[in-house]
Amino acid sequence: MAREVKLTKAGYERLMQQLLQERERLQEATRILQELMESSDDYDDSGLEAAKQEKARIEARIDSLEDILSRAVIIEGATTEVIGLGSVVELEDPVSGERLEVQVVSPAEASVLETPMKISDASPMGKALLGHREGDVLSLETPKGKKEFRVVSVRG
């Protein structure tokens, strides 16, 4: 049995949007490949080979997205008491006072480019956050050494 992939509703919708975009890219890549094949006299043309590789990469990404979405289980609103999958957590560095907002998500949904930053529950930070509550102080191993954070707030 395939393992389920837990996603937030927003994460599921974002992956569906990516799938639609990849399908559009595949249509365009297929069109370009057909044009190159029709106009190519030399079958070893490097442009033709690059187009084939790009089409294969897009197909692989579509397969991956379809697999994730077929196994998706949308998690309902996270609790605001204990940090779990889907929780949005505000953290504070007790030394510098610097604040950071993250959302704990499944690996399929993780993205550091979004706000709040989406961190995987399988990452060291995600694992460290799970089960904590507002007011807890936790210690994380970072590339720059051990760092402490205080949980300022937890919301679903």
Protein backbone atom coordinates (compact mmCIF):
# COMPACT_ATOMS: atom_id res chain seq x y z
CA MET A 1 0.00 0.00 0.00
CA ALA A 2 1.32 3.43 -0.94
CA ARG A 3 2.16 5.71 1.95
CA GLU A 4 -0.17 8.65 2.35
CA VAL A 5 1.18 12.17 2.01
CA LYS A 6 -0.29 14.64 4.47
CA LEU A 7 -0.78 18.11 3.00
CA THR A 8 -2.37 21.32 4.12
CA LYS A 9 -5.24 22.52 1.93
CA ALA A 10 -3.07 25.39 0.61
CA GLY A 11 -0.21 22.96 -0.09
CA TYR A 12 -2.51 20.63 -2.02
CA GLU A 13 -3.82 23.53 -4.10
CA ARG A 14 -0.26 24.76 -4.77
CA LEU A 15 0.81 21.30 -5.98
CA MET A 16 -2.30 21.08 -8.20
CA GLN A 17 -1.36 24.45 -9.72
CA GLN A 18 2.20 23.23 -10.32
CA LEU A 19 0.81 20.13 -12.02
CA LEU A 20 -1.29 22.27 -14.37
CA GLN A 21 1.74 24.43 -15.18
CA GLU A 22 3.91 21.37 -15.85
CA ARG A 23 1.25 19.93 -18.18
CA GLU A 24 1.26 23.22 -20.13
CA ARG A 25 5.07 23.10 -20.29
CA LEU A 26 4.85 19.51 -21.56
CA GLN A 27 2.55 20.57 -24.41
CA GLU A 28 5.00 23.30 -25.38
CA ALA A 29 8.02 20.97 -25.12
CA THR A 30 6.23 18.36 -27.25
CA ARG A 31 5.44 21.00 -29.89
CA ILE A 32 9.07 22.18 -29.97
CA LEU A 33 10.36 18.60 -30.17
CA GLN A 34 8.03 17.84 -33.09
CA GLU A 35 9.20 20.95 -34.94
CA LEU A 36 12.85 20.02 -34.38
CA MET A 37 12.28 16.45 -35.57
CA GLU A 38 10.53 17.67 -38.73
CA SER A 39 13.25 20.18 -39.58
CA SER A 40 16.27 18.12 -38.53
CA ASP A 41 18.36 16.49 -41.25
CA ASP A 42 20.92 15.16 -38.81
CA TYR A 43 19.33 12.92 -36.15
CA ASP A 44 22.24 13.59 -33.77
CA ASP A 45 21.37 17.28 -33.58
CA SER A 46 22.23 18.55 -30.06
CA GLY A 47 19.15 20.82 -30.01
CA LEU A 48 16.98 17.79 -30.64
CA GLU A 49 18.71 15.87 -27.84
CA ALA A 50 18.29 18.80 -25.41
CA ALA A 51 14.59 19.04 -26.31
CA LYS A 52 14.15 15.30 -25.64
CA GLN A 53 15.87 15.64 -22.26
CA GLU A 54 13.74 18.63 -21.27
CA LYS A 55 10.56 16.77 -22.24
CA ALA A 56 11.69 13.78 -20.14
CA ARG A 57 12.38 16.06 -17.12
CA ILE A 58 8.92 17.60 -17.39
CA GLU A 59 7.30 14.16 -17.69
CA ALA A 60 9.18 12.98 -14.58
CA ARG A 61 8.02 16.05 -12.63
CA ILE A 62 4.42 15.43 -13.72
CA ASP A 63 4.69 11.77 -12.64
CA SER A 64 6.05 12.86 -9.26
CA LEU A 65 3.31 15.45 -8.70
CA GLU A 66 0.58 13.02 -9.77
CA ASP A 67 1.98 10.41 -7.37
CA ILE A 68 2.04 12.84 -4.44
CA LEU A 69 -1.45 14.14 -5.19
CA SER A 70 -2.88 10.63 -5.61
CA ARG A 71 -1.68 9.77 -2.09
CA ALA A 72 -2.59 13.13 -0.56
CA VAL A 73 -4.60 13.37 2.62
CA ILE A 74 -5.56 16.94 3.44
CA ILE A 75 -5.03 17.72 7.10
CA GLU A 76 -7.67 19.79 8.77
CA GLY A 77 -6.83 22.85 10.85
CA ALA A 78 -3.95 22.21 13.19
CA THR A 79 -4.43 22.58 16.92
CA THR A 80 -3.28 25.79 18.54
CA GLU A 81 -2.10 24.07 21.72
CA VAL A 82 0.60 21.67 20.57
CA ILE A 83 2.79 22.07 17.49
CA GLY A 84 1.89 19.51 14.84
CA LEU A 85 1.61 19.16 11.09
CA GLY A 86 0.08 22.35 9.68
CA SER A 87 0.89 24.52 12.71
CA VAL A 88 2.17 28.03 12.07
CA VAL A 89 4.73 28.81 14.75
CA GLU A 90 6.33 32.10 15.72
CA LEU A 91 9.77 31.60 17.23
CA GLU A 92 12.02 34.07 19.01
CA ASP A 93 15.75 33.94 19.59
CA PRO A 94 15.95 34.81 23.34
CA VAL A 95 19.41 36.34 22.89
CA SER A 96 18.89 38.60 19.86
CA GLY A 97 15.10 38.99 20.04
CA GLU A 98 14.95 38.08 16.34
CA ARG A 99 11.64 36.47 15.34
CA LEU A 100 10.95 33.82 12.75
CA GLU A 101 7.64 32.43 11.52
CA VAL A 102 7.47 28.90 10.13
CA GLN A 103 4.79 26.37 9.23
CA VAL A 104 5.39 22.66 9.87
CA VAL A 105 4.41 20.69 6.75
CA SER A 106 5.11 17.35 5.09
CA PRO A 107 8.31 17.01 3.01
CA ALA A 108 6.28 17.26 -0.23
CA GLU A 109 5.11 20.73 0.75
CA ALA A 110 8.32 22.17 2.21
CA SER A 111 9.57 25.46 0.76
CA VAL A 112 11.89 28.04 2.31
CA LEU A 113 10.90 30.60 -0.33
CA GLU A 114 7.41 31.18 1.05
CA THR A 115 6.13 33.24 3.94
CA PRO A 116 5.76 31.77 6.42
CA MET A 117 8.66 29.47 5.59
CA LYS A 118 7.33 25.91 5.18
CA ILE A 119 9.60 23.45 6.98
CA SER A 120 9.34 19.71 6.75
CA ASP A 121 8.29 17.72 9.79
CA ALA A 122 11.16 15.37 8.83
CA SER A 123 13.79 18.16 9.01
CA PRO A 124 15.81 18.68 12.21
CA MET A 125 13.89 21.90 12.97
CA GLY A 126 10.53 20.31 12.18
CA LYS A 127 11.27 17.32 14.40
CA ALA A 128 12.42 19.61 17.21
CA LEU A 129 9.22 21.69 17.04
CA LEU A 130 6.71 18.82 17.06
CA GLY A 131 4.94 18.42 20.38
CA HIS A 132 6.07 21.76 21.86
CA ARG A 133 3.74 24.44 23.16
CA GLU A 134 3.66 28.22 23.42
CA GLY A 135 6.31 29.38 25.90
CA ASP A 136 8.56 26.31 25.46
CA VAL A 137 12.24 26.87 24.77
CA LEU A 138 13.90 24.41 22.44
CA SER A 139 17.45 23.89 21.34
CA LEU A 140 18.29 23.29 17.68
CA GLU A 141 21.51 22.15 16.07
CA THR A 142 22.20 24.59 13.21
CA PRO A 143 25.13 24.85 10.79
CA LYS A 144 26.39 27.68 13.03
CA GLY A 145 26.09 25.56 16.19
CA LYS A 146 23.41 25.12 18.84
CA LYS A 147 20.72 27.79 18.90
CA GLU A 148 17.81 28.26 21.28
CA PHE A 149 14.34 29.43 20.30
CA ARG A 150 11.30 30.27 22.40
CA VAL A 151 7.87 29.40 21.01
CA VAL A 152 6.01 32.73 21.01
CA SER A 153 2.77 31.50 19.44
CA VAL A 154 1.15 28.49 17.76
CA ARG A 155 -1.79 28.79 15.41
CA GLY A 156 -3.56 26.44 13.05
